[in-house]
Protein backbone atom coordinates (compact mmCIF):
# COMPACT_ATOMS: atom_id res chain seq x y z
CA MET A 1 -53.22 -31.82 51.81
CA THR A 2 -51.94 -33.40 48.68
CA ILE A 3 -48.31 -33.46 47.86
CA LEU A 4 -47.56 -33.08 44.20
CA PRO A 5 -44.75 -35.15 42.84
CA GLN A 6 -41.60 -33.14 42.06
CA PRO A 7 -39.99 -33.64 38.66
CA ALA A 8 -36.77 -35.57 38.70
CA PRO A 9 -33.61 -33.42 38.86
CA ALA A 10 -32.23 -35.06 35.69
CA ALA A 11 -35.32 -34.04 33.76
CA GLN A 12 -34.80 -30.39 34.79
CA ALA A 13 -31.05 -30.45 34.09
CA ALA A 14 -31.36 -31.46 30.42
CA PRO A 15 -33.39 -28.42 29.26
CA ARG A 16 -31.29 -26.13 31.43
CA ALA A 17 -28.03 -27.45 29.93
CA HIS A 18 -29.47 -27.05 26.43
CA ARG A 19 -30.51 -23.48 27.25
CA LEU A 20 -27.04 -22.67 28.66
CA ALA A 21 -25.33 -24.11 25.58
CA ALA A 22 -27.55 -22.03 23.31
CA GLN A 23 -26.81 -18.88 25.34
CA ALA A 24 -23.07 -19.59 25.20
CA ALA A 25 -23.24 -20.05 21.42
CA ASN A 26 -25.17 -16.78 21.07
CA TYR A 27 -22.63 -15.00 23.25
CA ARG A 28 -19.69 -16.33 21.19
CA ARG A 29 -21.43 -15.29 17.98
CA ALA A 30 -22.07 -11.78 19.33
CA ARG A 31 -18.44 -11.45 20.51
CA ARG A 32 -17.12 -12.61 17.12
CA LYS A 33 -19.38 -10.09 15.34
CA ALA A 34 -18.17 -7.30 17.67
CA ALA A 35 -14.53 -8.27 17.08
CA ILE A 36 -15.02 -8.19 13.30
CA GLN A 37 -16.71 -4.80 13.52
CA ALA A 38 -13.86 -3.45 15.63
CA LEU A 39 -11.32 -4.77 13.12
CA LEU A 40 -13.22 -3.20 10.23
CA LEU A 41 -13.32 0.13 12.07
CA ALA A 42 -9.56 0.00 12.72
CA LEU A 43 -8.65 -1.25 9.23
CA PRO A 44 -8.29 2.23 7.63
CA LEU A 45 -5.96 3.26 10.45
CA LEU A 46 -3.88 0.11 10.01
CA VAL A 47 -3.60 0.69 6.26
CA PHE A 48 -2.62 4.31 6.88
CA LEU A 49 0.08 3.28 9.38
CA LEU A 50 1.39 0.65 7.01
CA ALA A 51 1.57 3.07 4.09
CA THR A 52 3.04 6.06 5.95
CA PHE A 53 5.15 4.52 8.69
CA ILE A 54 6.02 0.85 8.35
CA ALA A 55 6.60 0.68 4.57
CA PRO A 56 9.02 3.65 4.46
CA ILE A 57 11.03 2.25 7.36
CA ALA A 58 11.20 -1.15 5.66
CA ILE A 59 12.27 0.47 2.38
CA LEU A 60 15.00 2.48 4.14
CA LEU A 61 16.27 -0.61 5.94
CA ALA A 62 16.43 -2.52 2.66
CA ARG A 63 18.30 0.36 1.02
CA SER A 64 20.76 0.53 3.91
CA VAL A 65 22.13 -2.92 3.09
CA ARG A 66 21.73 -2.84 -0.69
CA ASN A 67 24.84 -2.27 -2.80
CA PRO A 68 24.12 -2.45 -6.54
CA GLU A 69 27.11 -0.36 -7.73
CA VAL A 70 29.82 -2.99 -8.23
CA PRO A 71 27.59 -5.86 -9.41
CA GLY A 72 25.81 -3.49 -11.80
CA ALA A 73 28.94 -1.84 -13.18
CA MET A 74 31.06 -4.99 -13.44
CA PRO A 75 28.78 -8.03 -13.67
CA GLU A 76 31.46 -10.38 -15.03
CA LEU A 77 33.91 -9.44 -12.28
CA ALA A 78 31.16 -9.90 -9.68
CA ARG A 79 30.34 -13.37 -11.08
CA VAL A 80 34.00 -14.46 -11.01
CA LEU A 81 34.55 -13.07 -7.52
CA ARG A 82 31.52 -14.96 -6.17
CA GLN A 83 33.09 -18.22 -7.36
CA TRP A 84 36.51 -17.41 -5.88
CA ASP A 85 37.42 -19.09 -2.56
CA GLY A 86 39.17 -15.98 -1.14
CA ARG A 87 42.63 -17.44 -0.58
CA ASP A 88 46.14 -16.62 -1.86
CA VAL A 89 45.67 -12.99 -2.91
CA PRO A 90 46.01 -9.52 -1.38
CA ASP A 91 43.39 -8.06 0.94
CA THR A 92 42.23 -5.70 -1.80
CA TRP A 93 40.78 -8.62 -3.74
CA ARG A 94 38.95 -9.83 -0.63
CA LEU A 95 37.44 -6.36 -0.28
CA LEU A 96 36.44 -6.43 -3.96
CA LYS A 97 34.76 -9.78 -3.43
CA ARG A 98 32.75 -8.37 -0.52
CA ALA A 99 31.86 -5.29 -2.59
CA SER A 100 30.67 -7.46 -5.48
CA SER A 101 27.74 -8.69 -3.42
CA ALA A 102 24.43 -6.91 -3.87
CA TRP A 103 23.99 -6.78 -0.06
CA THR A 104 26.47 -5.25 2.39
CA PRO A 105 26.56 -4.39 6.09
CA ASP A 106 29.02 -1.54 5.46
CA TYR A 107 26.47 1.28 5.48
CA LEU A 108 25.02 0.19 8.81
CA LEU A 109 28.46 -0.41 10.32
CA ASN A 110 29.59 3.07 9.28
CA GLY A 111 26.72 4.45 11.36
CA ILE A 112 28.28 2.95 14.49
CA ASP A 113 31.92 3.66 13.56
CA ALA A 114 32.70 0.07 12.70
CA ARG A 115 33.93 -1.75 9.61
CA VAL A 116 34.52 -5.24 8.31
CA THR A 117 38.20 -6.16 8.29
CA PRO A 118 39.72 -7.98 5.29
CA ASP A 119 39.52 -11.26 7.20
CA GLY A 120 35.76 -10.80 7.73
CA ARG A 121 35.61 -9.64 11.35
CA VAL A 122 33.74 -6.53 12.52
CA ALA A 123 36.08 -4.03 14.18
CA ALA A 124 35.97 -0.42 15.32
CA VAL A 125 37.42 2.22 13.02
CA PRO A 126 40.56 4.03 14.23
CA PRO A 127 39.84 6.83 16.74
CA ASP A 128 40.90 9.55 14.29
CA SER A 129 38.26 8.28 11.79
CA ALA A 130 35.44 7.85 14.33
CA VAL A 131 32.62 10.31 13.79
CA TYR A 132 29.71 8.91 15.81
CA ARG A 133 31.55 7.31 18.75
CA ALA A 134 31.37 10.47 20.88
CA ALA A 135 27.60 10.66 20.37
CA PHE A 136 27.08 7.19 21.80
């Protein structure tokens, strides 16, 4: 009986490692292709959600803090009030300075029965003016 010589383990490991690397690369390529196909299938839904749900909410949120009335009606007064440091005058002028900004938290604060005081703090409205407090 003749014993045939067995190939060295290192000689068998090299082709096997190459084959495994090629299979892994093929698997990654197939997974990437499947992921792209899934994204392309979902893309119309994502565009629909963006156009009908996310964009209107973003527009409403932007409108809820936008205040173009005073800066648009009195641009010179708004410019002067922005440069003013806010000291040594009545509270009415401080309120005008806040109103001269194009952005305001007042609309959102009104929704939770709060307001900005003349000194800049957020405070609750008086109980006789509170509309939404009972709902919360």
